[in-house]
Structures are given as structure tokens and as C-alpha cells.
Protein backbone atom coordinates (compact mmCIF):
# COMPACT_ATOMS: atom_id res chain seq x y z
CA MET A 1 -15.60 2.47 -12.01
CA ASN A 2 -13.54 5.07 -14.09
CA THR A 3 -10.11 4.66 -15.27
CA ASN A 4 -7.77 6.03 -12.77
CA ILE A 5 -9.11 3.13 -10.19
CA LYS A 6 -8.60 0.42 -13.26
CA LYS A 7 -5.04 1.45 -13.93
CA PHE A 8 -4.48 1.97 -10.46
CA LYS A 9 -5.53 -1.36 -9.56
CA ASN A 10 -3.57 -3.29 -12.50
CA ILE A 11 -0.78 -1.34 -11.43
CA SER A 12 -0.96 -2.61 -7.92
CA ILE A 13 -1.91 -6.61 -9.29
CA PHE A 14 1.53 -6.32 -10.98
CA LEU A 15 3.76 -5.04 -8.37
CA ALA A 16 2.09 -7.73 -6.11
CA ILE A 17 2.91 -10.75 -9.06
CA PHE A 18 6.08 -9.45 -9.29
CA PHE A 19 6.83 -9.71 -5.66
CA LEU A 20 5.51 -12.44 -4.93
CA PHE A 21 7.75 -14.22 -7.51
CA SER A 22 10.76 -12.59 -6.29
CA PHE A 23 9.91 -13.84 -2.26
CA PHE A 24 9.77 -17.41 -4.07
CA PHE A 25 13.21 -17.05 -5.90
CA PRO A 26 15.46 -19.14 -4.29
CA PHE A 27 18.50 -16.31 -2.83
CA SER A 28 20.77 -18.40 -0.63
CA SER A 29 24.70 -18.60 0.16
CA PHE A 30 24.55 -21.91 -0.95
CA GLY A 31 22.60 -25.00 -3.18
CA ALA A 32 19.79 -23.71 -5.37
CA SER A 33 17.83 -26.73 -4.14
CA HIS A 34 17.10 -24.49 -0.78
CA GLN A 35 14.22 -22.00 -1.00
CA PHE A 36 13.04 -19.19 1.17
CA LEU A 37 9.16 -18.72 0.81
CA THR A 38 8.64 -15.16 2.36
CA SER A 39 5.62 -13.06 2.21
CA TRP A 40 5.10 -9.44 3.90
CA GLN A 41 2.10 -7.74 4.62
CA ALA A 42 1.34 -4.04 5.81
CA ASP A 43 -2.06 -3.30 7.60
CA SER A 44 -2.31 0.35 6.43
CA TYR A 45 -5.98 0.74 5.04
CA VAL A 46 -7.08 0.06 1.68
CA PRO A 47 -10.61 0.33 0.09
CA ASN A 48 -12.42 -3.46 0.65
CA TRP A 49 -12.71 -3.92 -3.28
CA TYR A 50 -9.42 -3.67 -3.94
CA GLN A 51 -7.33 -6.61 -4.56
CA GLY A 52 -3.43 -5.42 -5.11
CA LYS A 53 -0.47 -5.29 -2.58
CA VAL A 54 -1.13 -3.71 0.67
CA PHE A 55 1.98 -1.38 0.60
CA PRO A 56 3.18 0.01 4.16
CA THR A 57 3.88 4.20 4.84
CA ARG A 58 5.61 5.77 8.07
CA GLY A 59 4.25 4.52 10.57
CA SER A 60 2.51 1.47 9.18
CA SER A 61 3.18 -2.42 11.08
CA ILE A 62 5.01 -4.91 8.86
CA ASN A 63 4.31 -8.51 9.47
CA ILE A 64 6.68 -10.79 7.85
CA ASN A 65 6.81 -14.35 7.71
CA PHE A 66 8.95 -17.33 6.08
CA GLU A 67 9.43 -21.24 5.18
CA LEU A 68 12.81 -22.43 4.16
CA ILE A 69 12.18 -25.46 1.79
CA ASN A 70 14.52 -28.62 0.56
CA ASN A 71 13.92 -30.63 -2.07
CA ASN A 72 10.23 -29.51 -2.01
CA LYS A 73 9.82 -30.20 1.86
CA ILE A 74 9.46 -27.17 4.89
CA VAL A 75 12.84 -27.82 6.99
CA ASN A 76 11.96 -27.96 10.74
CA LEU A 77 13.90 -24.43 11.99
CA SER A 78 12.57 -24.75 15.41
CA LYS A 79 16.55 -25.64 16.83
CA ASN A 80 17.64 -23.33 14.37
CA LYS A 81 19.12 -19.55 15.55
CA ILE A 82 17.50 -17.25 13.08
CA ARG A 83 19.33 -13.84 12.78
CA TRP A 84 16.87 -11.08 11.51
CA TYR A 85 18.35 -7.57 10.18
CA ILE A 86 16.70 -4.18 9.36
CA ASN A 87 18.29 -1.98 7.25
CA ASP A 88 21.55 -3.76 7.84
CA LYS A 89 21.13 -4.07 11.57
CA LEU A 90 20.69 -6.43 14.10
CA PHE A 91 16.70 -6.96 15.03
CA LYS A 92 16.07 -10.01 16.71
CA ASN A 93 18.12 -12.90 17.34
CA GLU A 94 18.21 -16.48 19.17
CA ASP A 95 18.53 -13.97 22.25
CA SER A 96 14.31 -14.32 21.82
CA GLY A 97 14.55 -18.10 21.18
CA LEU A 98 15.21 -20.42 18.60
CA GLY A 99 13.56 -21.12 14.97
CA ILE A 100 11.64 -17.48 14.94
CA LYS A 101 10.01 -17.99 11.20
CA SER A 102 8.10 -14.75 11.60
CA LEU A 103 8.31 -10.83 12.59
CA GLN A 104 6.64 -7.35 13.01
CA PHE A 105 8.22 -4.14 13.46
CA ILE A 106 6.68 -0.69 12.53
CA ASN A 107 8.20 0.90 9.11
CA ASN A 108 10.29 4.40 10.27
CA ASN A 109 11.12 4.79 6.91
CA PHE A 110 9.81 7.74 4.40
CA ARG A 111 8.49 7.31 0.56
CA GLY A 112 11.62 6.70 -1.74
CA ASN A 113 13.41 4.70 1.44
CA ASP A 114 12.62 0.72 0.73
CA ILE A 115 13.31 -1.38 4.01
CA GLU A 116 15.49 -4.07 3.71
CA VAL A 117 15.36 -7.27 5.66
CA LYS A 118 17.69 -9.84 5.76
CA ILE A 119 16.91 -13.88 7.30
CA ALA A 120 20.04 -15.50 8.22
CA VAL A 121 19.54 -19.10 9.07
CA VAL A 122 22.85 -18.96 10.93
CA ASP A 123 23.87 -22.66 12.02
CA TYR A 124 21.38 -24.52 9.28
CA SER A 125 24.79 -26.27 8.33
CA ALA A 126 28.61 -25.09 7.78
CA ASN A 127 27.55 -22.06 6.06
CA ALA A 128 24.87 -19.37 7.38
CA LEU A 129 21.58 -19.74 4.42
CA TYR A 130 20.02 -16.14 4.52
CA LYS A 131 17.53 -14.38 2.20
CA ILE A 132 17.03 -10.52 1.10
CA ILE A 133 13.83 -8.96 1.00
CA HIS A 134 13.00 -5.32 0.11
CA ILE A 135 9.73 -3.81 0.79
CA PRO A 136 8.93 -0.52 -0.70
CA ILE A 137 7.31 2.40 0.89
CA VAL A 138 4.95 4.63 -0.09
CA MET A 139 2.42 8.16 0.46
CA PRO A 140 -1.10 7.87 1.51
CA GLU A 141 -3.14 8.22 -1.95
CA ALA A 142 -6.37 9.37 -3.24
CA ILE A 143 -7.64 8.27 -5.99
CA ILE A 144 -11.10 10.15 -7.20
CA ASP A 145 -13.90 8.16 -8.58
CA ALA A 146 -15.05 9.75 -11.93
CA PRO A 147 -17.71 7.41 -13.95
CA TYR A 148 -17.81 9.92 -17.01
CA THR A 149 -16.16 9.15 -20.29
CA GLU A 150 -12.96 11.71 -21.05
CA GLN A 151 -14.09 13.26 -17.45
CA LYS A 152 -16.80 15.50 -19.65
CA ILE A 153 -19.93 16.16 -17.38
CA SER A 154 -23.50 17.61 -18.03
CA ALA A 155 -25.60 19.89 -16.80
CA GLY A 156 -27.29 19.15 -13.06
CA GLU A 157 -26.22 16.91 -10.89
CA ASN A 158 -22.28 14.48 -11.22
CA LEU A 159 -21.51 12.43 -8.31
CA PHE A 160 -18.15 11.48 -7.84
CA HIS A 161 -16.46 9.40 -4.95
CA VAL A 162 -13.20 9.60 -3.14
CA PHE A 163 -11.06 6.07 -2.02
CA PRO A 164 -8.26 6.45 0.27
CA PHE A 165 -5.27 4.78 0.08
CA PHE A 166 -2.74 3.03 2.40
CA PHE A 167 -3.52 5.30 5.88
CA ASN A 168 -2.47 4.29 8.97
CA ILE A 169 -6.16 3.32 10.29
CA LYS A 170 -8.41 1.37 11.27
CA ASP A 171 -11.78 2.55 9.75
CA LEU A 172 -13.08 5.35 7.81
CA GLY A 173 -14.06 7.71 10.76
CA GLU A 174 -10.47 8.66 11.63
CA LEU A 175 -9.95 10.49 8.33
CA SER A 176 -11.84 13.66 7.30
CA PHE A 177 -12.98 14.50 3.67
CA GLU A 178 -12.27 17.70 1.75
CA TRP A 179 -13.86 18.73 -1.99
CA TRP A 180 -13.24 21.96 -4.15
CA ALA A 181 -14.40 22.90 -6.92
CA ASN A 182 -12.39 25.78 -8.73
CA GLU A 183 -10.92 26.87 -6.08
CA GLN A 184 -14.18 26.91 -3.85
CA VAL A 185 -15.33 24.17 -0.88
CA ALA A 186 -17.34 22.07 -2.24
CA ASP A 187 -20.94 21.06 0.00
CA ILE A 188 -20.64 17.50 0.45
CA THR A 189 -23.18 14.59 1.17
CA GLU A 190 -23.85 12.99 4.25
CA ASN A 191 -20.78 10.62 2.83
CA PRO A 192 -17.88 12.54 3.22
CA GLN A 193 -16.46 10.26 0.44
CA GLU A 194 -19.25 11.51 -1.86
CA LEU A 195 -19.77 14.80 -4.11
CA SER A 196 -22.56 15.66 -5.84
CA LEU A 197 -21.63 18.68 -8.37
CA SER A 198 -24.76 21.18 -9.55
CA ILE A 199 -23.91 22.41 -12.98
CA ASN A 200 -26.04 24.84 -13.87
CA THR A 201 -27.29 24.91 -17.16
CA GLN A 202 -26.55 28.25 -17.74
CA THR A 203 -22.87 27.57 -17.73
CA PRO A 204 -21.41 27.38 -21.04
CA PRO A 205 -20.14 24.12 -22.98
CA GLY A 206 -16.20 23.72 -22.91
CA THR A 207 -16.21 25.20 -18.65
CA VAL A 208 -13.52 23.73 -17.16
CA ILE A 209 -13.54 22.35 -13.54
CA ASN A 210 -10.79 21.43 -11.28
CA LEU A 211 -12.19 19.17 -9.12
CA LYS A 212 -10.36 18.43 -5.76
CA ALA A 213 -10.42 16.03 -2.84
CA ILE A 214 -8.25 16.59 0.16
CA ILE A 215 -8.27 12.85 2.69
CA LYS A 216 -6.49 13.92 6.31
CA ASN A 217 -5.86 11.55 9.03
CA ILE A 218 -7.68 13.50 12.13
CA ALA A 219 -4.91 11.76 14.87
CA ASN A 220 -2.11 12.72 12.50
CA GLN A 221 -1.56 16.04 10.84
CA PHE A 222 0.93 14.38 9.00
CA GLU A 223 -0.16 11.56 6.89
CA PHE A 224 -2.54 13.33 4.04
CA ALA A 225 -3.35 12.49 0.15
CA ASN A 226 -5.25 15.04 -2.20
CA LYS A 227 -6.25 14.27 -5.83
CA ASN A 228 -6.54 16.46 -8.58
CA ILE A 229 -8.61 15.84 -11.89
CA GLN A 230 -9.83 18.43 -14.74
CA LEU A 231 -13.50 18.80 -15.70
CA GLN A 232 -15.17 20.18 -18.74
CA ILE A 233 -18.84 20.91 -19.28
CA LYS A 234 -20.11 19.14 -22.52
């Protein structure tokens, strides 16, 4: 797996750890003995080998769950009024039932406009107990696996793969893939995620090839990603 993918995985794992610690940090209107254990999950697509945090894009479904901990024990909130706010607007409250500890919603924000979710247990004691979560919104991404040192390739066949991240799809059949080499459409194999790039033996060493992969959501023309890498002939 090439350096680009390793960096992508490392950054994502770092962010996942950062968010994990932020969820466990007590944030309430009273008493540090009370803690919210909170987690969220987006349903956007990632490769099955990916182990980092799955981030939402516009249109992603997001699930949030929480438990309230007091003196290392889970608090029974089945009789309590719990209110959920998204970006300062009331989204769900006790009208939908008591003890609501999970929420599902569709994100309508674009990248750069993080979602702020506030959970308030309004009748736990004399004061409300609350937790605020910030969920980052990203754009779909395309990552090219180019397993060649310093992206230098040789004459003959050179194989590349592209991987989609954070698209609002259930399987790869919902995506289209295009490959371009020096502004020319490149022929793909039976697997559109792969490109076998053939370099003529007469190509002078040092020749630069700009390789580009484009991924599109077939059902949503506004959801796409592309990636460029620069290759050089040895």
C-alpha cells in the first residue's frame, strides 16, 4: 500500500482517537462525577480495509448514541426528558417519548460547516445536564494507490488502484470511474478501480505523466471526487 494511503489512514486514525477522547470528556452543567459517553457513526462508504473514523458528507445518515455515567455506573434515564438539538434547533424531545438515548438524522451541511449536536437531560436534577458534540463534515475523496517508489515507473505495464471514501452509496456499483493520463482518457480493465498503464519502451527517461482518477456517484451528479498524481519514467 503506497505512502498516500498510509498517510490517509494515519490521519484518519489520529482524528478517530481525538474524537474518542472528546466524547468521553465530562461536559455538563454540574458535577464532574457525571459523564456522557457519546459515540456517532456515519453511513458513508469506505473500503473494507479502512480502520479510521467514517466521516459524513452532505446527505449522509448519522447515528448518535449516549449513556450517562454517575460514579462509574450507567444512569437509568428511561423516565427522564431528553432533548436533542442540531445546530441550536430543537430536533427531538419528550413528545417523542422519554429516555431517548439515540438519534438518527440526515446531514444537510456542506464541508466546513460542522454539525453541533446538543444533548440535554432537562429533569435529571434541579439543573439540566448537557453535552455538546461537534461532527466534522467532509467531501468525498479519491485515493490512488501507486505502489512505486517516488512514483517513478518503468517501461511496460504499471498497475494502479483508486479507492473511494465517504460517498453516499451502499456498494461500488453505484459509482463510475474514469482514468486520464496526460489529459487523455485511459483504457481500464474489467475492474474500473484498476488501471494498467502501458509505457512504451521508447519513452525517454524523465518523461512526466500526469495521472488522474475521477469517481462519480451515478445517482447524484454533485457527489464526485478526483485525484491527481505525477509519475516519472525511470
